Amino acid sequence: MKTRDVREEDLAIVAGCLRRARLMIASLFGGALLAITGAAWLWNAGLLGAGQGGRLFGAVLVGSLLVIAVKLGLLLQRRSAIEESAVFRLLRDQPGRVLWTFPTALRTNVLGIDIEAEQLIILCTDDARIERVRGVRKSDVQKVAAAVRRLTPGAYYGLTDANRRRFQKTTGFVVK
């Protein structure tokens, strides 16, 4: 397999993760908008106790929400070109700017329960910028991390104290 083919395959792996992350965000947004629009429609239909004045307000609210949904959908569609995202452009056009890369899990605490929210691949650049490859499945972390490593051959890999010190010395930026 040619080097160019491997590079294109690695970029496709990263693009798949970025698409998955955007789909998750769009699904959350769409679900919330659908719930709000449904509640406004029920209120407008009089099923939630609205009077005649409330129905007019409900009709205006439903119409406004639909206009907002269409405008936001068009905006998301324009901005959803994965190839134009900052992290994808960095890996495709300027991989030499990436100094350090490592996989990590984003964790959160809900009602006292520690939950692993998502897997990420972190990219730290020579100007102390931090980019994230989101949408990484837990089962694909090693595959995506390997693809990022091949795309950024000059970067050091792994979340170690030595790498933290090296990055801090190079950029003056501290990663905790």
Protein backbone atom coordinates (compact mmCIF):
# COMPACT_ATOMS: atom_id res chain seq x y z
CA MET A 1 0.00 0.00 0.00
CA LYS A 2 1.37 3.42 -0.93
CA THR A 3 2.09 6.08 1.67
CA ARG A 4 -0.54 8.37 0.13
CA ASP A 5 -3.18 5.63 0.40
CA VAL A 6 -2.34 5.07 4.09
CA ARG A 7 -2.52 8.82 4.72
CA GLU A 8 -5.93 9.07 3.03
CA GLU A 9 -7.14 6.08 5.03
CA ASP A 10 -5.92 7.67 8.29
CA LEU A 11 -7.63 10.97 7.41
CA ALA A 12 -10.83 9.01 6.67
CA ILE A 13 -10.64 7.40 10.15
CA VAL A 14 -10.36 10.83 11.78
CA ALA A 15 -13.15 12.25 9.58
CA GLY A 16 -15.43 9.40 10.67
CA CYS A 17 -14.90 10.31 14.32
CA LEU A 18 -15.58 13.99 13.65
CA ARG A 19 -18.79 13.10 11.75
CA ARG A 20 -19.93 10.90 14.63
CA ALA A 21 -19.36 13.75 17.10
CA ARG A 22 -21.32 16.21 14.97
CA LEU A 23 -24.15 13.72 14.55
CA MET A 24 -24.36 13.32 18.34
CA ILE A 25 -24.59 17.10 18.79
CA ALA A 26 -27.15 17.47 16.00
CA SER A 27 -29.24 14.64 17.49
CA LEU A 28 -29.27 16.29 20.91
CA PHE A 29 -30.18 19.65 19.40
CA GLY A 30 -32.85 18.13 17.15
CA GLY A 31 -34.40 16.19 20.02
CA ALA A 32 -34.58 19.26 22.25
CA LEU A 33 -36.06 21.37 19.46
CA LEU A 34 -38.61 18.66 18.65
CA ALA A 35 -39.67 18.43 22.32
CA ILE A 36 -40.08 22.22 22.60
CA THR A 37 -41.99 22.44 19.33
CA GLY A 38 -44.23 19.54 20.38
CA ALA A 39 -45.00 21.18 23.71
CA ALA A 40 -45.80 24.48 21.96
CA TRP A 41 -48.07 22.67 19.49
CA LEU A 42 -49.92 20.87 22.31
CA TRP A 43 -50.32 24.16 24.12
CA ASN A 44 -51.57 25.80 20.93
CA ALA A 45 -54.06 22.96 20.37
CA GLY A 46 -55.51 23.65 23.80
CA LEU A 47 -54.35 20.35 25.28
CA LEU A 48 -52.22 22.08 27.90
CA GLY A 49 -54.84 24.58 29.07
CA ALA A 50 -54.23 27.60 26.82
CA GLY A 51 -57.11 30.01 26.15
CA GLN A 52 -57.81 31.90 22.90
CA GLY A 53 -54.97 34.42 23.52
CA GLY A 54 -52.67 31.57 24.43
CA ARG A 55 -53.43 29.84 21.14
CA LEU A 56 -52.34 32.87 19.13
CA PHE A 57 -49.16 33.06 21.20
CA GLY A 58 -48.64 29.32 20.68
CA ALA A 59 -49.04 29.64 16.90
CA VAL A 60 -46.47 32.44 16.83
CA LEU A 61 -44.16 30.39 19.05
CA VAL A 62 -44.43 27.27 16.87
CA GLY A 63 -43.83 29.32 13.72
CA SER A 64 -40.83 31.06 15.28
CA LEU A 65 -39.34 27.76 16.43
CA LEU A 66 -39.70 26.29 12.96
CA VAL A 67 -37.99 29.32 11.38
CA ILE A 68 -35.17 29.07 13.94
CA ALA A 69 -34.85 25.32 13.30
CA VAL A 70 -34.59 25.82 9.54
CA LYS A 71 -32.02 28.62 9.88
CA LEU A 72 -29.93 26.64 12.37
CA GLY A 73 -30.17 23.54 10.21
CA LEU A 74 -28.86 25.48 7.21
CA LEU A 75 -26.08 26.97 9.32
CA LEU A 76 -25.08 23.53 10.65
CA GLN A 77 -25.13 22.11 7.14
CA ARG A 78 -22.78 24.84 5.90
CA ARG A 79 -20.45 24.46 8.87
CA SER A 80 -20.54 20.68 8.88
CA ALA A 81 -17.90 20.21 6.20
CA ILE A 82 -15.58 17.97 8.19
CA GLU A 83 -12.71 18.76 5.83
CA GLU A 84 -12.91 22.41 6.91
CA SER A 85 -12.81 21.76 10.66
CA ALA A 86 -9.72 23.07 12.47
CA VAL A 87 -8.54 19.66 13.66
CA PHE A 88 -8.94 18.03 10.24
CA ARG A 89 -7.13 20.90 8.46
CA LEU A 90 -4.34 20.68 11.03
CA LEU A 91 -3.84 16.96 10.41
CA ARG A 92 -4.18 17.25 6.64
CA ASP A 93 -2.27 20.46 5.93
CA GLN A 94 0.06 21.11 8.88
CA PRO A 95 0.84 17.85 10.69
CA GLY A 96 4.31 19.15 11.56
CA ARG A 97 2.74 21.72 13.89
CA VAL A 98 1.49 18.95 16.19
CA LEU A 99 4.05 18.40 18.96
CA TRP A 100 2.20 16.04 21.27
CA THR A 101 -0.76 13.71 20.96
CA PHE A 102 -2.47 11.41 23.42
CA PRO A 103 -5.78 9.61 23.94
CA THR A 104 -7.82 10.37 27.02
CA ALA A 105 -11.29 9.83 28.43
CA LEU A 106 -13.50 12.75 29.37
CA ARG A 107 -15.15 11.92 32.66
CA THR A 108 -18.03 13.59 34.45
CA ASN A 109 -19.76 13.14 37.77
CA VAL A 110 -23.56 12.83 37.76
CA LEU A 111 -25.28 12.60 41.15
CA GLY A 112 -22.09 11.31 42.73
CA ILE A 113 -21.54 8.65 40.06
CA ASP A 114 -18.35 8.93 38.00
CA ILE A 115 -19.24 8.44 34.32
CA GLU A 116 -16.96 8.21 31.30
CA ALA A 117 -18.58 10.69 28.92
CA GLU A 118 -16.46 10.31 25.79
CA GLN A 119 -13.12 9.28 24.39
CA LEU A 120 -10.88 11.95 22.86
CA ILE A 121 -7.58 12.19 21.06
CA ILE A 122 -5.82 15.40 22.14
CA LEU A 123 -3.45 17.24 19.79
CA CYS A 124 -1.15 19.93 21.22
CA THR A 125 0.45 22.28 18.70
CA ASP A 126 3.62 24.35 18.58
CA ASP A 127 1.63 27.52 19.36
CA ALA A 128 0.15 25.88 22.52
CA ARG A 129 -3.24 25.33 20.87
CA ILE A 130 -5.13 22.22 21.89
CA GLU A 131 -7.36 20.46 19.37
CA ARG A 132 -9.58 17.47 20.06
CA VAL A 133 -10.66 14.56 17.89
CA ARG A 134 -14.11 13.84 19.31
CA GLY A 135 -16.53 11.03 18.56
CA VAL A 136 -14.02 8.26 19.19
CA ARG A 137 -15.68 4.99 20.15
CA LYS A 138 -14.14 3.26 23.15
CA SER A 139 -13.44 0.20 21.01
CA ASP A 140 -11.68 2.36 18.37
CA VAL A 141 -9.36 4.43 20.59
CA GLN A 142 -6.22 2.51 19.66
CA LYS A 143 -7.10 2.50 15.95
CA VAL A 144 -7.76 6.26 15.88
CA ALA A 145 -4.71 7.01 18.04
CA ALA A 146 -2.54 4.95 15.66
CA ALA A 147 -3.96 6.85 12.66
CA VAL A 148 -3.19 10.19 14.34
CA ARG A 149 0.32 8.98 15.18
CA ARG A 150 0.94 8.07 11.54
CA LEU A 151 -0.40 11.46 10.43
CA THR A 152 1.88 13.29 12.92
CA PRO A 153 5.18 11.38 12.80
CA GLY A 154 7.19 14.17 14.48
CA ALA A 155 4.93 14.39 17.53
CA TYR A 156 5.59 12.64 20.80
CA TYR A 157 2.86 10.33 22.00
CA GLY A 158 1.32 9.50 25.35
CA LEU A 159 0.19 11.27 28.50
CA THR A 160 3.38 11.07 30.56
CA ASP A 161 5.15 13.51 32.87
CA ALA A 162 8.15 13.55 30.54
CA ASN A 163 5.93 14.60 27.62
CA ARG A 164 4.22 17.26 29.75
CA ARG A 165 7.61 18.74 30.68
CA ARG A 166 8.82 18.57 27.08
CA PHE A 167 5.68 20.37 25.83
CA GLN A 168 5.94 22.98 28.59
CA LYS A 169 9.60 23.59 27.78
CA THR A 170 8.88 23.94 24.04
CA THR A 171 5.77 26.16 24.26
CA GLY A 172 5.73 27.59 27.79
CA PHE A 173 2.21 26.19 28.16
CA VAL A 174 1.30 23.87 31.04
CA VAL A 175 -1.09 20.95 30.42
CA LYS A 176 -2.66 19.55 33.58
